[in-house]
Amino acid sequence: MGTVWISSPPGAPPRKYTPAPFEATGPLIPDYLRFSPDGSMIGLSISTGEGPQFWILNWPDGSEAKPRRPFSEKDFFGPPTFDWLLDSRHVVMSLNGSLWLGDTQNGKLKRLTVSPVGGAAEPSVSPDGRRLLFSEQREDFDIVEVPLDGSKPRPFLSTSRQEYSPSWSRSGDRMAYITTRSGREEVWLRSAGGDWERPVVTESDFPDEITDSFYNAVLSPDGNRLAYNIRGKTTGAKIWVSPSSGGKPVQAIPSNPGVKCYENGLSWSPASDSFACNIFVDGISSLAVVRVGSGKSPEFIPTPGRMSTAPAWSHDGRWIAFGEGRLDALDISTAKLRKLADFGWDFNFEIGTNYCLFGSLAPDGRSFVTTRSIATSDLWILDGVALPGRRK
């Protein structure tokens, strides 16, 4: 669990900031933390079990301090990077790939930049408040095949568009994956040899749901259904199920008004009637089993530790495995681990599209497919913009 700690004066024994309604839980806990120029406030950007959040903390802390969320109505794709302006009221924030000017008093936001690649991040205000330095990051997601004999990964599906979250059918004749080749995220099916492919789930299937992104598309073992995550602009991360032939999607877990629930990382049962997933309820991560189409609430299963990978249901239906993010093989009969491969820092499985280290084992058991990110970035300076509080 992550929260804010204070050492005042510098070097004194650290203590927790109080009050602290912003404690972060979950596998990702970024800590973008900035004092305002006048020292009266702290900006805090974090990832929690309830989604990314931005907080303003009064300084000094104590019973009179009242932490608040001035931009709580804005849906953040991830914890926003930010910097304060000299007036100690406004911030420059990176929200979903663009730079925005935010007023921490009234919560209003004004767009400053629009990028064709949508990668503006990490803004830094110059000492005179007249310039902005920021990075523009670009990521290319490709599907790669990782052999289990320790040899190097090899490209499986790589284009100039984004392809990620692959899932093999049990027969090995087709694969589900997510792509942006039509401009927005969609779930597609593709034959093993690549001689045909087609969209199965698109935004047009959700006229009443404002979708932000698709991820974690998984084919059922019988090949008849697709389960996938949708991150809604107002609903958070939810799991939906659609026929693999196309058709009306159904929300897999009934909504419970008043309970904040985020659903991620899933694995079908061998009978294709249930799936296991990772559910955050009130900031607590739990393993759960969902009976598809039953209308019943999930069955929660106690786990000895924090889940940092998607669950994996064994083919005989007896076991559900999850782990801490290593590329190992586990012998269930002996409980011994064997490291499959160490690809070093050049190959990182822990990226945004691989939430819970998502991957799919090939039917022959010799490899698995997953997503690889190749990132590039540039530094830019925004000059001449009229920023509040800048020096003449």
Protein backbone atom coordinates (compact mmCIF):
# COMPACT_ATOMS: atom_id res chain seq x y z
CA MET A 1 0.00 0.00 0.00
CA GLY A 2 1.37 3.43 -0.92
CA THR A 3 0.73 6.81 0.66
CA VAL A 4 2.53 10.13 1.25
CA TRP A 5 5.26 10.38 3.87
CA ILE A 6 6.67 13.58 5.37
CA SER A 7 10.10 14.34 6.80
CA SER A 8 9.93 17.78 8.41
CA PRO A 9 12.42 19.28 8.90
CA PRO A 10 14.46 17.38 6.30
CA GLY A 11 16.21 14.48 7.98
CA ALA A 12 13.60 14.06 10.70
CA PRO A 13 12.01 10.60 11.14
CA PRO A 14 9.39 10.17 8.37
CA ARG A 15 5.70 10.03 9.22
CA LYS A 16 2.51 9.55 7.21
CA TYR A 17 0.69 12.59 5.86
CA THR A 18 -2.70 12.92 7.56
CA PRO A 19 -5.54 12.76 6.82
CA ALA A 20 -4.92 10.27 3.98
CA PRO A 21 -8.00 9.24 1.96
CA PHE A 22 -5.73 8.72 -1.05
CA GLU A 23 -3.81 5.57 -0.12
CA ALA A 24 -2.91 3.68 -3.29
CA THR A 25 -3.30 -0.06 -3.75
CA GLY A 26 -2.78 -2.34 -6.70
CA PRO A 27 0.10 -3.44 -8.93
CA LEU A 28 0.93 0.08 -10.19
CA ILE A 29 1.64 2.96 -7.81
CA PRO A 30 3.27 5.93 -9.61
CA ASP A 31 4.25 8.73 -7.28
CA TYR A 32 4.13 12.04 -9.15
CA LEU A 33 4.51 14.44 -6.24
CA ARG A 34 5.12 18.22 -6.33
CA PHE A 35 5.09 21.05 -3.79
CA SER A 36 3.47 24.24 -5.07
CA PRO A 37 5.94 27.16 -5.50
CA ASP A 38 4.61 28.92 -2.37
CA GLY A 39 4.87 25.69 -0.34
CA SER A 40 1.21 25.75 0.73
CA MET A 41 0.05 22.68 -1.24
CA ILE A 42 1.24 19.33 -2.55
CA GLY A 43 0.07 17.92 -5.88
CA LEU A 44 -0.25 14.13 -5.89
CA SER A 45 -0.94 11.91 -8.91
CA ILE A 46 -1.43 8.22 -8.16
CA SER A 47 -2.90 4.95 -9.41
CA THR A 48 -5.36 3.28 -7.04
CA GLY A 49 -7.75 0.36 -7.05
CA GLU A 50 -10.43 2.92 -7.95
CA GLY A 51 -8.46 4.17 -10.95
CA PRO A 52 -5.98 7.03 -11.51
CA GLN A 53 -6.49 10.05 -9.25
CA PHE A 54 -5.13 13.58 -8.79
CA TRP A 55 -5.14 15.13 -5.30
CA ILE A 56 -4.34 18.52 -3.77
CA LEU A 57 -2.98 18.21 -0.22
CA ASN A 58 -2.74 21.19 2.10
CA TRP A 59 0.54 21.87 3.85
CA PRO A 60 1.08 21.64 6.73
CA ASP A 61 -1.05 18.56 7.28
CA GLY A 62 -3.11 17.69 10.34
CA SER A 63 -6.69 17.95 11.49
CA GLU A 64 -7.29 21.22 9.61
CA ALA A 65 -5.98 19.91 6.29
CA LYS A 66 -8.64 18.93 3.78
CA PRO A 67 -7.32 16.85 0.84
CA ARG A 68 -9.41 17.32 -2.30
CA ARG A 69 -9.69 16.18 -5.93
CA PRO A 70 -10.27 19.25 -8.13
CA PHE A 71 -10.46 17.27 -11.41
CA SER A 72 -12.44 14.28 -10.14
CA GLU A 73 -14.94 14.49 -13.03
CA LYS A 74 -12.16 13.97 -15.59
CA ASP A 75 -11.46 10.37 -16.55
CA PHE A 76 -7.70 9.76 -16.54
CA PHE A 77 -6.32 6.93 -18.65
CA GLY A 78 -3.34 6.89 -16.27
CA PRO A 79 -1.93 9.01 -13.43
CA PRO A 80 -1.26 12.42 -15.03
CA THR A 81 2.23 13.87 -14.99
CA PHE A 82 2.16 17.55 -14.05
CA ASP A 83 4.02 20.67 -12.91
CA TRP A 84 2.93 23.76 -11.00
CA LEU A 85 2.77 27.26 -12.46
CA LEU A 86 4.26 30.16 -10.51
CA ASP A 87 0.90 31.35 -9.13
CA SER A 88 0.59 28.16 -7.03
CA ARG A 89 -2.96 27.76 -8.31
CA HIS A 90 -2.66 26.36 -11.81
CA VAL A 91 -0.96 23.20 -13.03
CA VAL A 92 0.04 21.94 -16.45
CA MET A 93 -1.05 18.31 -16.77
CA SER A 94 -0.61 15.54 -19.29
CA LEU A 95 -4.04 14.03 -19.77
CA ASN A 96 -4.52 11.14 -22.19
CA GLY A 97 -1.75 12.29 -24.51
CA SER A 98 -2.27 16.09 -24.53
CA LEU A 99 -1.21 18.98 -22.29
CA TRP A 100 -3.91 20.77 -20.31
CA LEU A 101 -4.00 23.84 -18.08
CA GLY A 102 -5.79 23.01 -14.83
CA ASP A 103 -7.18 25.38 -12.22
CA THR A 104 -6.86 23.64 -8.84
CA GLN A 105 -9.42 25.98 -7.24
CA ASN A 106 -12.40 25.62 -9.57
CA GLY A 107 -11.44 22.35 -11.30
CA LYS A 108 -11.60 23.77 -14.84
CA LEU A 109 -9.37 22.37 -17.57
CA LYS A 110 -8.22 24.03 -20.81
CA ARG A 111 -6.39 22.15 -23.57
CA LEU A 112 -2.96 23.55 -24.45
CA THR A 113 -1.72 21.10 -27.09
CA VAL A 114 -3.13 18.58 -29.54
CA SER A 115 -0.66 15.98 -30.75
CA PRO A 116 -1.23 13.73 -33.78
CA VAL A 117 0.55 10.91 -31.96
CA GLY A 118 -1.05 11.69 -28.59
CA GLY A 119 2.07 11.29 -26.48
CA ALA A 120 2.67 14.62 -24.70
CA ALA A 121 3.85 13.95 -21.14
CA GLU A 122 6.07 15.07 -18.26
CA PRO A 123 5.60 18.86 -18.54
CA SER A 124 8.12 21.12 -16.82
CA VAL A 125 7.57 24.87 -16.36
CA SER A 126 10.58 27.19 -16.79
CA PRO A 127 11.66 29.29 -13.75
CA ASP A 128 10.15 32.46 -15.29
CA GLY A 129 6.90 30.63 -16.12
CA ARG A 130 7.06 31.58 -19.81
CA ARG A 131 8.00 28.24 -21.38
CA LEU A 132 7.00 24.61 -21.17
CA LEU A 133 9.35 21.71 -21.71
CA PHE A 134 7.66 18.37 -22.36
CA SER A 135 8.33 15.01 -23.90
CA GLU A 136 6.37 13.49 -26.76
CA GLN A 137 6.34 9.75 -26.48
CA ARG A 138 5.32 7.22 -29.10
CA GLU A 139 4.72 3.53 -28.52
CA ASP A 140 4.30 0.85 -31.16
CA PHE A 141 2.64 -2.31 -29.86
CA ASP A 142 3.34 -5.53 -31.73
CA ILE A 143 2.42 -9.15 -31.08
CA VAL A 144 5.42 -11.42 -30.54
CA GLU A 145 5.84 -15.15 -30.10
CA VAL A 146 8.02 -16.25 -27.18
CA PRO A 147 9.41 -19.81 -27.49
CA LEU A 148 9.47 -21.75 -24.23
CA ASP A 149 12.81 -23.36 -25.02
CA GLY A 150 14.63 -20.14 -24.07
CA SER A 151 15.31 -18.92 -27.60
CA LYS A 152 14.67 -15.32 -28.61
CA PRO A 153 11.17 -13.92 -29.19
CA ARG A 154 10.15 -13.51 -32.82
CA PRO A 155 7.61 -11.17 -34.49
CA PHE A 156 4.16 -12.62 -35.05
CA LEU A 157 2.05 -9.60 -36.07
CA SER A 158 3.85 -6.31 -36.58
CA THR A 159 2.54 -3.29 -38.52
CA SER A 160 2.62 0.49 -38.24
CA ARG A 161 -0.69 0.30 -36.32
CA GLN A 162 -1.19 -1.06 -32.80
CA GLU A 163 -1.75 -4.78 -32.25
CA TYR A 164 -1.89 -6.27 -28.78
CA SER A 165 -3.61 -8.60 -26.30
CA PRO A 166 -3.44 -11.82 -28.39
CA SER A 167 -5.39 -14.96 -27.46
CA TRP A 168 -5.13 -18.34 -29.20
CA SER A 169 -8.12 -20.59 -29.70
CA ARG A 170 -7.69 -24.04 -28.16
CA SER A 171 -7.59 -25.61 -31.62
CA GLY A 172 -4.91 -23.16 -32.75
CA ASP A 173 -6.75 -22.28 -35.96
CA ARG A 174 -7.37 -18.63 -35.04
CA MET A 175 -6.41 -15.84 -32.72
CA ALA A 176 -8.24 -12.92 -31.14
CA TYR A 177 -6.40 -9.64 -30.66
CA ILE A 178 -6.96 -5.91 -30.39
CA THR A 179 -5.93 -3.48 -33.12
CA THR A 180 -6.23 0.19 -34.05
CA ARG A 181 -6.04 -0.36 -37.82
CA SER A 182 -9.49 1.24 -38.22
CA GLY A 183 -8.51 4.26 -36.12
CA ARG A 184 -9.96 3.12 -32.77
CA GLU A 185 -9.41 0.01 -30.65
CA GLU A 186 -11.39 -2.99 -31.92
CA VAL A 187 -11.33 -6.72 -31.18
CA TRP A 188 -10.47 -8.78 -34.26
CA LEU A 189 -10.21 -12.46 -35.19
CA ARG A 190 -7.39 -13.72 -37.41
CA SER A 191 -6.65 -17.14 -38.89
CA ALA A 192 -3.43 -18.81 -37.74
CA GLY A 193 -1.92 -18.43 -41.20
CA GLY A 194 -3.12 -14.86 -41.65
CA ASP A 195 -5.19 -15.60 -44.77
CA TRP A 196 -8.28 -13.94 -43.23
CA GLU A 197 -9.10 -11.53 -40.43
CA ARG A 198 -12.16 -9.50 -39.44
CA PRO A 199 -13.47 -7.21 -36.68
CA VAL A 200 -15.75 -8.80 -34.07
CA VAL A 201 -16.24 -6.08 -31.43
CA THR A 202 -16.22 -2.33 -32.18
CA GLU A 203 -17.40 0.87 -30.54
CA SER A 204 -20.63 0.67 -32.55
CA ASP A 205 -21.60 -2.34 -30.39
CA PHE A 206 -21.83 0.02 -27.38
CA PRO A 207 -24.14 2.91 -28.32
CA ASP A 208 -25.03 3.58 -24.67
CA GLU A 209 -21.52 3.11 -23.25
CA ILE A 210 -18.83 5.75 -23.77
CA THR A 211 -15.78 3.55 -24.33
CA ASP A 212 -12.20 4.66 -23.81
CA SER A 213 -10.26 1.51 -24.69
CA PHE A 214 -10.41 -2.25 -25.18
CA TYR A 215 -7.87 -4.65 -23.69
CA ASN A 216 -7.43 -8.28 -22.54
CA ALA A 217 -9.41 -10.01 -25.31
CA VAL A 218 -9.67 -13.76 -24.56
CA LEU A 219 -11.30 -16.52 -26.63
CA SER A 220 -13.27 -19.19 -24.77
CA PRO A 221 -11.86 -22.74 -25.19
CA ASP A 222 -14.85 -23.80 -27.31
CA GLY A 223 -14.24 -20.77 -29.55
CA ASN A 224 -17.81 -19.52 -29.29
CA ARG A 225 -17.30 -16.45 -27.10
CA LEU A 226 -14.93 -13.58 -26.49
CA ALA A 227 -14.39 -11.96 -23.11
CA TYR A 228 -12.63 -8.61 -22.97
CA ASN A 229 -12.15 -5.50 -20.88
CA ILE A 230 -13.59 -2.11 -21.68
CA ARG A 231 -12.39 0.94 -19.87
CA GLY A 232 -15.38 3.28 -19.89
CA LYS A 233 -15.07 7.02 -19.42
CA THR A 234 -17.51 6.88 -16.50
CA THR A 235 -17.67 3.22 -15.47
CA GLY A 236 -14.04 2.20 -15.05
CA ALA A 237 -12.72 -1.23 -16.13
CA LYS A 238 -15.48 -3.78 -16.82
CA ILE A 239 -15.52 -7.23 -18.46
CA TRP A 240 -17.91 -7.88 -21.36
CA VAL A 241 -18.68 -11.03 -23.37
CA SER A 242 -19.60 -11.24 -27.08
CA PRO A 243 -20.24 -14.12 -29.50
CA SER A 244 -17.07 -14.75 -31.49
CA SER A 245 -19.19 -14.67 -34.64
CA GLY A 246 -20.29 -11.13 -33.77
CA GLY A 247 -23.39 -9.96 -31.97
CA LYS A 248 -24.72 -8.12 -28.93
CA PRO A 249 -22.23 -7.81 -26.05
CA VAL A 250 -23.28 -8.58 -22.47
CA GLN A 251 -21.73 -7.20 -19.29
CA ALA A 252 -20.32 -10.23 -17.48
CA ILE A 253 -20.59 -9.02 -13.87
CA PRO A 254 -23.77 -7.30 -12.70
CA SER A 255 -23.18 -3.72 -11.55
CA ASN A 256 -23.68 -3.01 -7.86
CA PRO A 257 -24.67 0.63 -7.30
CA GLY A 258 -22.55 2.30 -4.66
CA VAL A 259 -19.69 -0.22 -4.94
CA LYS A 260 -16.62 0.77 -6.97
CA CYS A 261 -15.50 -2.36 -8.77
CA TYR A 262 -12.70 -2.66 -11.36
CA GLU A 263 -12.34 -5.92 -13.26
CA ASN A 264 -9.14 -6.99 -15.01
CA GLY A 265 -7.07 -9.90 -16.29
CA LEU A 266 -9.16 -13.01 -17.08
CA SER A 267 -8.90 -16.70 -17.96
CA TRP A 268 -11.69 -19.01 -19.21
CA SER A 269 -12.51 -22.33 -17.55
CA PRO A 270 -12.01 -25.44 -19.73
CA ALA A 271 -15.81 -25.84 -19.96
CA SER A 272 -16.16 -22.26 -21.35
CA ASP A 273 -18.95 -21.52 -18.84
CA SER A 274 -16.92 -19.45 -16.36
CA PHE A 275 -13.83 -17.29 -16.14
CA ALA A 276 -11.42 -16.27 -13.40
CA CYS A 277 -10.39 -12.64 -13.09
CA ASN A 278 -8.77 -10.04 -10.88
CA ILE A 279 -11.31 -7.71 -9.23
CA PHE A 280 -10.59 -4.54 -7.27
CA VAL A 281 -13.37 -3.77 -4.77
CA ASP A 282 -12.84 -0.70 -2.60
CA GLY A 283 -9.15 -0.80 -3.48
CA ILE A 284 -8.62 -4.47 -2.52
CA SER A 285 -7.45 -6.93 -5.20
CA SER A 286 -9.10 -10.37 -5.17
CA LEU A 287 -9.26 -13.50 -7.30
CA ALA A 288 -12.83 -14.16 -8.44
CA VAL A 289 -14.74 -16.72 -10.52
CA VAL A 290 -17.63 -15.50 -12.68
CA ARG A 291 -20.35 -17.85 -13.98
CA VAL A 292 -21.10 -16.40 -17.39
CA GLY A 293 -24.76 -15.75 -18.07
CA SER A 294 -25.90 -16.74 -14.58
CA GLY A 295 -26.56 -13.19 -13.40
CA LYS A 296 -24.95 -14.12 -10.08
CA SER A 297 -22.30 -12.17 -8.20
CA PRO A 298 -18.68 -13.34 -8.53
CA GLU A 299 -17.35 -16.03 -6.20
CA PHE A 300 -14.31 -14.60 -4.42
CA ILE A 301 -11.40 -16.92 -3.64
CA PRO A 302 -8.95 -16.05 -0.81
CA THR A 303 -5.36 -15.69 -2.03
CA PRO A 304 -2.16 -15.67 0.05
CA GLY A 305 -0.63 -12.66 -1.69
CA ARG A 306 -1.19 -9.77 -4.07
CA MET A 307 -2.08 -10.68 -7.65
CA SER A 308 0.29 -9.12 -10.18
CA THR A 309 -0.45 -11.43 -13.11
CA ALA A 310 -3.65 -12.49 -14.83
CA PRO A 311 -5.01 -15.81 -13.50
CA ALA A 312 -4.49 -18.97 -15.57
CA TRP A 313 -7.03 -21.82 -15.42
CA SER A 314 -5.50 -25.28 -15.92
CA HIS A 315 -6.80 -27.43 -18.79
CA ASP A 316 -8.07 -30.10 -16.39
CA GLY A 317 -10.08 -27.46 -14.50
CA ARG A 318 -8.49 -28.27 -11.13
CA TRP A 319 -6.20 -25.27 -10.68
CA ILE A 320 -6.17 -21.50 -11.07
CA ALA A 321 -2.67 -20.05 -11.03
CA PHE A 322 -1.45 -16.49 -10.61
CA GLY A 323 1.94 -15.04 -9.86
CA GLU A 324 4.27 -12.14 -9.20
CA GLY A 325 5.44 -11.37 -12.75
CA ARG A 326 8.38 -13.75 -13.40
CA LEU A 327 8.74 -15.73 -16.64
CA ASP A 328 8.85 -19.17 -14.97
CA ALA A 329 7.31 -22.60 -15.40
CA LEU A 330 5.57 -24.11 -12.36
CA ASP A 331 5.36 -27.89 -11.99
CA ILE A 332 2.03 -28.32 -10.18
CA SER A 333 2.85 -31.83 -8.94
CA THR A 334 6.13 -30.80 -7.28
CA ALA A 335 5.48 -27.04 -6.76
CA LYS A 336 8.93 -26.33 -8.25
CA LEU A 337 9.68 -23.30 -10.41
CA ARG A 338 11.91 -23.35 -13.48
CA LYS A 339 13.04 -20.13 -15.13
CA LEU A 340 12.19 -20.28 -18.81
CA ALA A 341 14.21 -17.33 -20.05
CA ASP A 342 15.73 -14.02 -19.04
CA PHE A 343 15.61 -11.56 -21.92
CA GLY A 344 17.04 -8.66 -19.89
CA TRP A 345 15.83 -5.07 -19.96
CA ASP A 346 15.42 -5.14 -23.73
CA PHE A 347 12.20 -7.13 -23.38
CA ASN A 348 9.78 -5.87 -20.75
CA PHE A 349 6.48 -7.72 -20.25
CA GLU A 350 5.14 -5.17 -17.76
CA ILE A 351 3.57 -2.59 -20.07
CA GLY A 352 0.14 -0.97 -20.09
CA THR A 353 -1.42 -3.28 -22.71
CA ASN A 354 -0.14 -6.32 -20.79
CA TYR A 355 -2.09 -5.53 -17.65
CA CYS A 356 -1.39 -8.36 -15.18
CA LEU A 357 1.32 -9.68 -17.58
CA PHE A 358 -1.22 -11.00 -20.03
CA GLY A 359 -0.20 -13.67 -22.57
CA SER A 360 -1.63 -16.74 -24.35
CA LEU A 361 -0.08 -20.20 -24.51
CA ALA A 362 -0.04 -21.85 -27.94
CA PRO A 363 -2.08 -25.07 -28.24
CA ASP A 364 1.11 -27.11 -28.85
CA GLY A 365 2.61 -25.79 -25.59
CA ARG A 366 5.84 -24.71 -27.26
CA SER A 367 5.40 -20.94 -27.12
CA PHE A 368 3.13 -18.15 -26.02
CA VAL A 369 2.14 -14.89 -27.64
CA THR A 370 2.17 -11.55 -25.89
CA THR A 371 2.64 -7.84 -26.58
CA ARG A 372 5.89 -5.97 -26.97
CA SER A 373 6.25 -2.21 -26.91
CA ILE A 374 8.88 -0.26 -28.83
CA ALA A 375 8.96 3.31 -27.51
CA THR A 376 10.60 6.47 -28.87
CA SER A 377 10.44 10.03 -27.55
CA ASP A 378 11.47 13.62 -28.29
CA LEU A 379 11.76 16.77 -26.19
CA TRP A 380 9.73 19.85 -27.18
CA ILE A 381 9.56 23.44 -25.93
CA LEU A 382 6.27 25.35 -26.01
CA ASP A 383 7.10 29.06 -26.17
CA GLY A 384 4.94 32.18 -26.22
CA VAL A 385 1.86 30.73 -24.54
CA ALA A 386 0.16 33.04 -22.02
CA LEU A 387 0.46 31.05 -18.78
CA PRO A 388 -0.99 32.33 -15.50
CA GLY A 389 1.57 33.76 -13.08
CA ARG A 390 4.42 34.09 -15.58
CA ARG A 391 6.99 36.81 -14.99
CA LYS A 392 7.04 39.86 -17.22
